């Protein structure tokens, strides 16, 4: 039985496709790259943005952080609200709380933006802890975020067997493994085919209903 459940934000609790892809498009345009098809930018949902700019567009470190800065220009006022909660998530979180489970958010998204989203969509009330990255680049790797969430929850090494991470990308699964906790990958997010299995997810579910059954009955 898992007593502590950590949730990724983007692609797990909410669908941020419109906001993230439009802001990536905005940043790329500033960098002299035009990408008219937003579907080509969904791969930016999940990994740390500066890393993604370097991996997908070959930016060096300085150029990647410039792109991140431009991304945040639009995201902080517009993109953060171009979002929606996946159907059934609020009910899932409510039932988990009713079963006395401790819930936390562990996301690579900066905490200032994460907080706006949780408050806007009435999700904050479900979580005991919400950990994210910092605007200065601190704590962008998923393992670092997970460790911060565990620290804030005062979870000892011995208790880690009772913790599970829920996420939609390989970064969530790999981060969980690095921290010695279990993981469940959700296919209703933005993972590519077999991405979650290849990353070593302990469980993979295809819907919010399947996730609910797993977490409540494990």
C-alpha atoms as a PDB file:
ATOM      1  CA  UNK A   1       0.000   0.000   0.000  1.00  0.00           C
ATOM      2  CA  UNK A   2       1.314   3.430  -0.906  1.00  0.00           C
ATOM      3  CA  UNK A   3       0.767   6.106   1.714  1.00  0.00           C
ATOM      4  CA  UNK A   4       2.516   8.921  -0.156  1.00  0.00           C
ATOM      5  CA  UNK A   5       1.717   9.779  -3.778  1.00  0.00           C
ATOM      6  CA  UNK A   6       3.726  12.301  -5.772  1.00  0.00           C
ATOM      7  CA  UNK A   7       2.194  13.731  -8.940  1.00  0.00           C
ATOM      8  CA  UNK A   8       3.805  15.364 -11.913  1.00  0.00           C
ATOM      9  CA  UNK A   9       1.823  18.401 -13.095  1.00  0.00           C
ATOM     10  CA  UNK A  10       2.002  18.852 -16.880  1.00  0.00           C
ATOM     11  CA  UNK A  11       0.520  15.898 -18.739  1.00  0.00           C
ATOM     12  CA  UNK A  12      -0.514  14.162 -15.519  1.00  0.00           C
ATOM     13  CA  UNK A  13      -2.849  16.460 -13.596  1.00  0.00           C
ATOM     14  CA  UNK A  14      -3.453  18.979 -16.378  1.00  0.00           C
ATOM     15  CA  UNK A  15      -3.246  19.235 -20.157  1.00  0.00           C
ATOM     16  CA  UNK A  16      -0.949  22.218 -20.795  1.00  0.00           C
ATOM     17  CA  UNK A  17      -0.491  21.634 -24.531  1.00  0.00           C
ATOM     18  CA  UNK A  18      -1.886  24.944 -25.769  1.00  0.00           C
ATOM     19  CA  UNK A  19       0.003  27.134 -23.319  1.00  0.00           C
ATOM     20  CA  UNK A  20       3.372  25.393 -23.482  1.00  0.00           C
ATOM     21  CA  UNK A  21       3.495  24.903 -27.247  1.00  0.00           C
ATOM     22  CA  UNK A  22       2.426  28.477 -28.010  1.00  0.00           C
ATOM     23  CA  UNK A  23       5.070  29.812 -25.647  1.00  0.00           C
ATOM     24  CA  UNK A  24       7.740  27.592 -27.196  1.00  0.00           C
ATOM     25  CA  UNK A  25       6.634  28.865 -30.606  1.00  0.00           C
ATOM     26  CA  UNK A  26       6.968  32.429 -29.311  1.00  0.00           C
ATOM     27  CA  UNK A  27      10.480  31.779 -27.962  1.00  0.00           C
ATOM     28  CA  UNK A  28      11.658  30.049 -31.130  1.00  0.00           C
ATOM     29  CA  UNK A  29      10.412  32.951 -33.229  1.00  0.00           C
ATOM     30  CA  UNK A  30      12.552  35.302 -31.163  1.00  0.00           C
ATOM     31  CA  UNK A  31      15.505  33.000 -31.830  1.00  0.00           C
ATOM     32  CA  UNK A  32      14.839  33.158 -35.595  1.00  0.00           C
ATOM     33  CA  UNK A  33      13.092  29.792 -35.912  1.00  0.00           C
ATOM     34  CA  UNK A  34       9.526  29.595 -37.204  1.00  0.00           C
ATOM     35  CA  UNK A  35       7.498  26.508 -36.283  1.00  0.00           C
ATOM     36  CA  UNK A  36       3.864  26.808 -37.439  1.00  0.00           C
ATOM     37  CA  UNK A  37       2.775  23.331 -36.293  1.00  0.00           C
ATOM     38  CA  UNK A  38       2.224  23.240 -32.530  1.00  0.00           C
ATOM     39  CA  UNK A  39       2.058  19.441 -32.586  1.00  0.00           C
ATOM     40  CA  UNK A  40       5.783  19.398 -33.299  1.00  0.00           C
ATOM     41  CA  UNK A  41       6.384  21.129 -29.969  1.00  0.00           C
ATOM     42  CA  UNK A  42       4.597  18.748 -27.578  1.00  0.00           C
ATOM     43  CA  UNK A  43       7.953  17.060 -26.873  1.00  0.00           C
ATOM     44  CA  UNK A  44       8.757  20.118 -24.754  1.00  0.00           C
ATOM     45  CA  UNK A  45       6.098  19.018 -22.253  1.00  0.00           C
ATOM     46  CA  UNK A  46       7.969  17.227 -19.487  1.00  0.00           C
ATOM     47  CA  UNK A  47      11.714  17.860 -19.645  1.00  0.00           C
ATOM     48  CA  UNK A  48      13.469  20.940 -18.236  1.00  0.00           C
ATOM     49  CA  UNK A  49      13.047  23.629 -20.896  1.00  0.00           C
ATOM     50  CA  UNK A  50      16.684  24.671 -21.207  1.00  0.00           C
ATOM     51  CA  UNK A  51      17.681  21.047 -21.708  1.00  0.00           C
ATOM     52  CA  UNK A  52      14.971  20.587 -24.336  1.00  0.00           C
ATOM     53  CA  UNK A  53      16.055  23.657 -26.303  1.00  0.00           C
ATOM     54  CA  UNK A  54      19.611  22.308 -26.396  1.00  0.00           C
ATOM     55  CA  UNK A  55      18.561  18.777 -27.312  1.00  0.00           C
ATOM     56  CA  UNK A  56      15.927  19.574 -29.928  1.00  0.00           C
ATOM     57  CA  UNK A  57      17.369  22.704 -31.527  1.00  0.00           C
ATOM     58  CA  UNK A  58      21.074  22.471 -30.796  1.00  0.00           C
ATOM     59  CA  UNK A  59      21.224  25.654 -28.700  1.00  0.00           C
ATOM     60  CA  UNK A  60      24.236  26.181 -26.490  1.00  0.00           C
ATOM     61  CA  UNK A  61      23.718  26.876 -22.785  1.00  0.00           C
ATOM     62  CA  UNK A  62      23.465  30.661 -23.174  1.00  0.00           C
ATOM     63  CA  UNK A  63      21.073  30.508 -26.122  1.00  0.00           C
ATOM     64  CA  UNK A  64      18.908  27.938 -24.319  1.00  0.00           C
ATOM     65  CA  UNK A  65      18.495  30.202 -21.291  1.00  0.00           C
ATOM     66  CA  UNK A  66      17.699  33.149 -23.589  1.00  0.00           C
ATOM     67  CA  UNK A  67      14.955  31.047 -25.166  1.00  0.00           C
ATOM     68  CA  UNK A  68      13.661  30.081 -21.717  1.00  0.00           C
ATOM     69  CA  UNK A  69      13.518  33.766 -20.769  1.00  0.00           C
ATOM     70  CA  UNK A  70      11.446  34.562 -23.856  1.00  0.00           C
ATOM     71  CA  UNK A  71       9.208  31.568 -23.197  1.00  0.00           C
ATOM     72  CA  UNK A  72       8.484  32.887 -19.718  1.00  0.00           C
ATOM     73  CA  UNK A  73       7.577  36.324 -21.057  1.00  0.00           C
ATOM     74  CA  UNK A  74       4.451  34.863 -22.592  1.00  0.00           C
ATOM     75  CA  UNK A  75       3.900  31.963 -20.201  1.00  0.00           C
ATOM     76  CA  UNK A  76       3.845  34.044 -17.021  1.00  0.00           C
ATOM     77  CA  UNK A  77       0.851  36.123 -18.112  1.00  0.00           C
ATOM     78  CA  UNK A  78      -0.912  34.123 -20.832  1.00  0.00           C
ATOM     79  CA  UNK A  79       0.350  30.572 -21.274  1.00  0.00           C
ATOM     80  CA  UNK A  80       0.002  29.611 -17.625  1.00  0.00           C
ATOM     81  CA  UNK A  81      -3.787  29.851 -18.016  1.00  0.00           C
ATOM     82  CA  UNK A  82      -3.978  28.074 -21.391  1.00  0.00           C
ATOM     83  CA  UNK A  83      -4.488  24.823 -19.543  1.00  0.00           C
ATOM     84  CA  UNK A  84      -7.171  22.413 -18.366  1.00  0.00           C
ATOM     85  CA  UNK A  85      -7.486  19.690 -15.743  1.00  0.00           C
ATOM     86  CA  UNK A  86      -7.812  16.188 -17.138  1.00  0.00           C
ATOM     87  CA  UNK A  87     -11.300  14.786 -16.678  1.00  0.00           C
ATOM     88  CA  UNK A  88     -11.603  12.741 -13.498  1.00  0.00           C
ATOM     89  CA  UNK A  89      -8.465  14.096 -11.812  1.00  0.00           C
ATOM     90  CA  UNK A  90     -10.262  16.169  -9.174  1.00  0.00           C
ATOM     91  CA  UNK A  91     -12.413  13.184  -8.224  1.00  0.00           C
ATOM     92  CA  UNK A  92      -9.309  10.973  -8.046  1.00  0.00           C
ATOM     93  CA  UNK A  93      -7.487  13.381  -5.752  1.00  0.00           C
ATOM     94  CA  UNK A  94     -10.542  13.748  -3.550  1.00  0.00           C
ATOM     95  CA  UNK A  95     -10.907   9.982  -3.120  1.00  0.00           C
ATOM     96  CA  UNK A  96      -7.223   9.568  -2.337  1.00  0.00           C
ATOM     97  CA  UNK A  97      -7.482  12.213   0.391  1.00  0.00           C
ATOM     98  CA  UNK A  98     -10.588  10.510   1.777  1.00  0.00           C
ATOM     99  CA  UNK A  99      -8.471   7.380   2.101  1.00  0.00           C
ATOM    100  CA  UNK A 100      -5.942   9.308   4.223  1.00  0.00           C
ATOM    101  CA  UNK A 101      -3.203   9.335   1.588  1.00  0.00           C
ATOM    102  CA  UNK A 102      -0.597  12.095   1.612  1.00  0.00           C
ATOM    103  CA  UNK A 103      -0.383  13.838  -1.763  1.00  0.00           C
ATOM    104  CA  UNK A 104       2.327  16.045  -3.218  1.00  0.00           C
ATOM    105  CA  UNK A 105       3.198  17.685  -6.523  1.00  0.00           C
ATOM    106  CA  UNK A 106       6.713  17.177  -7.914  1.00  0.00           C
ATOM    107  CA  UNK A 107       7.223  19.115 -11.143  1.00  0.00           C
ATOM    108  CA  UNK A 108      10.126  20.629 -13.064  1.00  0.00           C
ATOM    109  CA  UNK A 109       7.945  23.687 -13.681  1.00  0.00           C
ATOM    110  CA  UNK A 110       8.987  26.748 -11.637  1.00  0.00           C
ATOM    111  CA  UNK A 111       7.075  26.914  -8.367  1.00  0.00           C
ATOM    112  CA  UNK A 112       5.749  30.395  -9.095  1.00  0.00           C
ATOM    113  CA  UNK A 113       3.906  29.071 -12.169  1.00  0.00           C
ATOM    114  CA  UNK A 114       2.924  25.798 -10.531  1.00  0.00           C
ATOM    115  CA  UNK A 115       1.230  27.685  -7.692  1.00  0.00           C
ATOM    116  CA  UNK A 116      -0.777  29.820 -10.122  1.00  0.00           C
ATOM    117  CA  UNK A 117      -2.030  26.717 -11.912  1.00  0.00           C
ATOM    118  CA  UNK A 118      -2.957  24.830  -8.725  1.00  0.00           C
ATOM    119  CA  UNK A 119      -4.861  27.842  -7.427  1.00  0.00           C
ATOM    120  CA  UNK A 120      -6.547  28.678 -10.753  1.00  0.00           C
ATOM    121  CA  UNK A 121      -7.898  25.154 -11.198  1.00  0.00           C
ATOM    122  CA  UNK A 122      -8.753  24.538  -7.521  1.00  0.00           C
ATOM    123  CA  UNK A 123      -6.217  21.742  -7.058  1.00  0.00           C
ATOM    124  CA  UNK A 124      -4.079  23.224  -4.292  1.00  0.00           C
ATOM    125  CA  UNK A 125      -6.417  21.997  -1.543  1.00  0.00           C
ATOM    126  CA  UNK A 126      -5.552  18.363  -2.249  1.00  0.00           C
ATOM    127  CA  UNK A 127      -1.802  18.621  -1.710  1.00  0.00           C
ATOM    128  CA  UNK A 128       0.205  18.645   1.490  1.00  0.00           C
ATOM    129  CA  UNK A 129       3.331  19.699  -0.396  1.00  0.00           C
ATOM    130  CA  UNK A 130       4.006  21.139  -3.857  1.00  0.00           C
ATOM    131  CA  UNK A 131       7.627  21.170  -5.029  1.00  0.00           C
ATOM    132  CA  UNK A 132       8.957  22.629  -8.278  1.00  0.00           C
ATOM    133  CA  UNK A 133      12.029  24.264  -9.747  1.00  0.00           C
ATOM    134  CA  UNK A 134      13.331  27.797  -9.284  1.00  0.00           C
ATOM    135  CA  UNK A 135      13.528  30.502 -11.953  1.00  0.00           C
ATOM    136  CA  UNK A 136      17.308  30.634 -11.596  1.00  0.00           C
ATOM    137  CA  UNK A 137      17.647  27.059 -12.843  1.00  0.00           C
ATOM    138  CA  UNK A 138      17.932  25.435  -9.437  1.00  0.00           C
ATOM    139  CA  UNK A 139      16.213  22.063  -9.046  1.00  0.00           C
ATOM    140  CA  UNK A 140      15.188  21.537 -12.679  1.00  0.00           C
ATOM    141  CA  UNK A 141      16.117  17.844 -12.840  1.00  0.00           C
ATOM    142  CA  UNK A 142      13.233  15.561 -11.863  1.00  0.00           C
ATOM    143  CA  UNK A 143      15.224  13.597  -9.291  1.00  0.00           C
ATOM    144  CA  UNK A 144      16.091  16.856  -7.531  1.00  0.00           C
ATOM    145  CA  UNK A 145      12.440  17.898  -7.447  1.00  0.00           C
ATOM    146  CA  UNK A 146      11.372  14.530  -6.089  1.00  0.00           C
ATOM    147  CA  UNK A 147      14.033  14.689  -3.389  1.00  0.00           C
ATOM    148  CA  UNK A 148      12.772  18.134  -2.405  1.00  0.00           C
ATOM    149  CA  UNK A 149       9.203  16.856  -2.151  1.00  0.00           C
ATOM    150  CA  UNK A 150      10.367  13.930   0.001  1.00  0.00           C
ATOM    151  CA  UNK A 151      12.333  16.324   2.204  1.00  0.00           C
ATOM    152  CA  UNK A 152       9.319  18.588   2.706  1.00  0.00           C
ATOM    153  CA  UNK A 153       7.216  15.555   3.584  1.00  0.00           C
ATOM    154  CA  UNK A 154       9.897  14.446   6.091  1.00  0.00           C
ATOM    155  CA  UNK A 155      10.047  10.979   4.530  1.00  0.00           C
ATOM    156  CA  UNK A 156      12.907   8.834   5.791  1.00  0.00           C
ATOM    157  CA  UNK A 157      14.868   6.413   3.620  1.00  0.00           C
ATOM    158  CA  UNK A 158      13.059   3.549   5.316  1.00  0.00           C
ATOM    159  CA  UNK A 159       9.666   4.990   4.311  1.00  0.00           C
ATOM    160  CA  UNK A 160      10.475   5.320   0.597  1.00  0.00           C
ATOM    161  CA  UNK A 161       8.953   1.917  -0.138  1.00  0.00           C
ATOM    162  CA  UNK A 162       5.591   3.510   0.681  1.00  0.00           C
ATOM    163  CA  UNK A 163       6.001   6.302  -1.907  1.00  0.00           C
ATOM    164  CA  UNK A 164       4.992   6.250  -5.574  1.00  0.00           C
ATOM    165  CA  UNK A 165       5.537   8.833  -8.319  1.00  0.00           C
ATOM    166  CA  UNK A 166       2.840   9.385 -10.967  1.00  0.00           C
ATOM    167  CA  UNK A 167       3.965  10.933 -14.253  1.00  0.00           C
ATOM    168  CA  UNK A 168       3.539  10.897 -18.006  1.00  0.00           C
ATOM    169  CA  UNK A 169       7.163  11.076 -19.263  1.00  0.00           C
ATOM    170  CA  UNK A 170      10.351   9.081 -18.892  1.00  0.00           C
ATOM    171  CA  UNK A 171      11.813  11.886 -16.778  1.00  0.00           C
ATOM    172  CA  UNK A 172       9.275  11.115 -14.040  1.00  0.00           C
ATOM    173  CA  UNK A 173      10.066   7.414 -14.121  1.00  0.00           C
ATOM    174  CA  UNK A 174      13.832   7.876 -14.220  1.00  0.00           C
ATOM    175  CA  UNK A 175      13.660  10.461 -11.435  1.00  0.00           C
ATOM    176  CA  UNK A 176      11.652   8.096  -9.259  1.00  0.00           C
ATOM    177  CA  UNK A 177      14.132   5.259  -9.820  1.00  0.00           C
ATOM    178  CA  UNK A 178      17.033   7.559  -8.951  1.00  0.00           C
ATOM    179  CA  UNK A 179      15.302   8.400  -5.662  1.00  0.00           C
ATOM    180  CA  UNK A 180      14.492   4.800  -4.780  1.00  0.00           C
ATOM    181  CA  UNK A 181      10.706   5.050  -5.047  1.00  0.00           C
ATOM    182  CA  UNK A 182       8.150   3.276  -7.223  1.00  0.00           C
ATOM    183  CA  UNK A 183       6.509   4.831 -10.251  1.00  0.00           C
ATOM    184  CA  UNK A 184       3.412   4.634 -12.417  1.00  0.00           C
ATOM    185  CA  UNK A 185       3.358   6.022 -15.946  1.00  0.00           C
ATOM    186  CA  UNK A 186       0.147   7.468 -17.370  1.00  0.00           C
ATOM    187  CA  UNK A 187      -0.473   7.100 -21.086  1.00  0.00           C
ATOM    188  CA  UNK A 188      -3.057   9.882 -21.273  1.00  0.00           C
ATOM    189  CA  UNK A 189      -0.246  12.447 -21.148  1.00  0.00           C
ATOM    190  CA  UNK A 190       2.502  13.084 -23.683  1.00  0.00           C
ATOM    191  CA  UNK A 191       4.751  10.023 -23.613  1.00  0.00           C
ATOM    192  CA  UNK A 192       5.838   8.522 -26.899  1.00  0.00           C
ATOM    193  CA  UNK A 193       5.029   4.885 -27.649  1.00  0.00           C
ATOM    194  CA  UNK A 194       6.736   2.519 -25.176  1.00  0.00           C
ATOM    195  CA  UNK A 195       8.530   5.454 -23.514  1.00  0.00           C
ATOM    196  CA  UNK A 196       7.219   4.649 -20.048  1.00  0.00           C
ATOM    197  CA  UNK A 197       7.901   0.925 -20.281  1.00  0.00           C
ATOM    198  CA  UNK A 198      11.412   1.521 -21.619  1.00  0.00           C
ATOM    199  CA  UNK A 199      12.134   3.893 -18.734  1.00  0.00           C
ATOM    200  CA  UNK A 200      11.268   1.124 -16.279  1.00  0.00           C
ATOM    201  CA  UNK A 201       7.890   2.205 -14.876  1.00  0.00           C
ATOM    202  CA  UNK A 202       6.625  -0.192 -12.220  1.00  0.00           C
ATOM    203  CA  UNK A 203       3.099   0.259 -13.557  1.00  0.00           C
ATOM    204  CA  UNK A 204       1.591   1.803 -16.689  1.00  0.00           C
ATOM    205  CA  UNK A 205      -2.049   2.865 -16.949  1.00  0.00           C
ATOM    206  CA  UNK A 206      -3.997   4.249 -19.883  1.00  0.00           C
ATOM    207  CA  UNK A 207      -6.705   6.254 -18.123  1.00  0.00           C
ATOM    208  CA  UNK A 208      -7.531   8.174 -14.961  1.00  0.00           C
ATOM    209  CA  UNK A 209      -9.941   5.377 -13.983  1.00  0.00           C
ATOM    210  CA  UNK A 210      -7.152   2.796 -14.225  1.00  0.00           C
ATOM    211  CA  UNK A 211      -4.914   5.052 -12.159  1.00  0.00           C
ATOM    212  CA  UNK A 212      -7.621   5.354  -9.508  1.00  0.00           C
ATOM    213  CA  UNK A 213      -8.036   1.584  -9.254  1.00  0.00           C
ATOM    214  CA  UNK A 214      -4.292   1.081  -8.984  1.00  0.00           C
ATOM    215  CA  UNK A 215      -3.718   3.672  -6.270  1.00  0.00           C
ATOM    216  CA  UNK A 216      -6.756   2.783  -4.182  1.00  0.00           C
ATOM    217  CA  UNK A 217      -6.354  -0.992  -4.374  1.00  0.00           C
ATOM    218  CA  UNK A 218      -2.588  -1.472  -4.352  1.00  0.00           C
END
